[in-house]
Amino acid sequence: MKEAFGYTPSWLQWPRYSSFFVMYPTGISSEVGLIYTALPYIKNSDLYCLRMPNKLNYAFDYFYAALLVLAVYVPGSPHMYMYMMGQRKKALSKSRKSD
């Protein structure tokens, strides 16, 4: 609505910047859980893996890529959550000042 009309109604502003309190932990935990659950299947199958030697002279192992994603995602999620809290505070304080 903001892009179309140039403003966001206050009744829509609060849910827009507050729904992440529930959605982020739910999404992060489900994504991490699904990747963790899929790790044995990924390791046993060579799906999406590129083994050497090949024309590209490049190797890729999907199992280790999934582990790397978990290694970055789990410690990075508090940073993303705190960033969203800052954005929420900034956006909701702007809307209070303009009211």
Protein backbone atom coordinates (compact mmCIF):
# COMPACT_ATOMS: atom_id res chain seq x y z
CA MET A 1 0.00 0.00 0.00
CA LYS A 2 2.83 2.35 0.78
CA GLU A 3 4.19 2.10 -2.75
CA ALA A 4 0.76 2.58 -4.31
CA PHE A 5 -0.63 5.39 -2.13
CA GLY A 6 2.48 6.90 -0.52
CA TYR A 7 1.52 5.99 3.06
CA THR A 8 0.73 2.98 5.23
CA PRO A 9 -2.40 3.01 7.39
CA SER A 10 -1.57 2.78 11.08
CA TRP A 11 -3.76 -0.31 11.51
CA LEU A 12 -1.53 -2.08 8.97
CA GLN A 13 1.79 -0.63 10.15
CA TRP A 14 1.84 -2.42 13.51
CA PRO A 15 1.21 -5.97 12.15
CA ARG A 16 3.69 -5.36 9.34
CA TYR A 17 6.51 -4.65 11.78
CA SER A 18 5.41 -6.95 14.61
CA SER A 19 4.53 -10.23 12.93
CA PHE A 20 8.20 -11.21 12.69
CA PHE A 21 8.23 -11.83 16.49
CA VAL A 22 6.43 -15.11 15.79
CA MET A 23 7.32 -15.69 12.15
CA TYR A 24 11.14 -15.45 12.37
CA PRO A 25 11.64 -18.05 15.14
CA THR A 26 9.09 -20.35 13.51
CA GLY A 27 10.70 -20.05 10.09
CA ILE A 28 14.27 -20.33 11.29
CA SER A 29 13.60 -23.34 13.50
CA SER A 30 11.65 -25.14 10.78
CA GLU A 31 14.31 -24.47 8.12
CA VAL A 32 17.12 -25.61 10.41
CA GLY A 33 15.09 -28.66 11.46
CA LEU A 34 14.36 -29.65 7.87
CA ILE A 35 17.98 -29.29 6.80
CA TYR A 36 19.11 -31.30 9.83
CA THR A 37 16.54 -34.00 9.13
CA ALA A 38 17.60 -34.20 5.48
CA LEU A 39 21.32 -34.52 6.21
CA PRO A 40 21.39 -38.36 6.28
CA TYR A 41 19.49 -38.55 2.97
CA ILE A 42 21.75 -35.92 1.40
CA LYS A 43 24.86 -37.80 2.53
CA ASN A 44 23.65 -41.17 1.19
CA SER A 45 22.56 -39.84 -2.18
CA ASP A 46 24.86 -38.01 -4.53
CA LEU A 47 22.09 -35.68 -5.54
CA TYR A 48 23.37 -32.24 -6.59
CA CYS A 49 26.98 -33.36 -6.16
CA LEU A 50 29.69 -32.79 -8.72
CA ARG A 51 32.66 -35.11 -8.41
CA MET A 52 36.16 -34.75 -9.79
CA PRO A 53 37.49 -35.24 -12.45
CA ASN A 54 35.18 -33.38 -14.79
CA LYS A 55 35.35 -30.78 -17.55
CA LEU A 56 35.07 -27.88 -15.10
CA ASN A 57 37.78 -29.24 -12.78
CA TYR A 58 35.49 -28.33 -9.91
CA ALA A 59 33.96 -30.39 -7.11
CA PHE A 60 30.79 -29.64 -5.14
CA ASP A 61 29.30 -31.69 -2.33
CA TYR A 62 25.73 -30.82 -1.35
CA PHE A 63 26.14 -32.40 2.10
CA TYR A 64 28.97 -30.04 3.05
CA ALA A 65 27.11 -27.10 1.55
CA ALA A 66 24.13 -27.91 3.79
CA LEU A 67 26.45 -28.11 6.80
CA LEU A 68 27.92 -24.74 5.86
CA VAL A 69 24.43 -23.25 5.64
CA LEU A 70 23.66 -24.57 9.13
CA ALA A 71 26.97 -23.29 10.46
CA VAL A 72 26.21 -19.77 9.20
CA TYR A 73 22.45 -19.72 9.66
CA VAL A 74 22.23 -20.76 13.31
CA PRO A 75 24.67 -18.16 14.70
CA GLY A 76 23.47 -15.54 12.21
CA SER A 77 19.80 -15.77 13.11
CA PRO A 78 20.04 -13.69 16.33
CA HIS A 79 21.69 -10.95 14.29
CA MET A 80 18.81 -11.00 11.78
CA TYR A 81 16.27 -10.97 14.60
CA MET A 82 17.93 -8.02 16.36
CA TYR A 83 18.11 -6.14 13.05
CA MET A 84 14.38 -6.60 12.58
CA MET A 85 13.74 -5.37 16.12
CA GLY A 86 15.71 -2.22 15.31
CA GLN A 87 13.79 -1.72 12.07
CA ARG A 88 10.51 -2.18 13.95
CA LYS A 89 11.50 0.37 16.58
CA LYS A 90 12.54 2.87 13.92
CA ALA A 91 9.42 2.41 11.81
CA LEU A 92 6.94 2.49 14.69
CA SER A 93 8.59 5.54 16.27
CA LYS A 94 8.30 7.37 12.94
CA SER A 95 4.60 6.56 12.75
CA ARG A 96 4.02 7.84 16.31
CA LYS A 97 5.82 11.11 15.57
CA SER A 98 3.75 11.67 12.43
CA ASP A 99 0.41 10.99 14.22
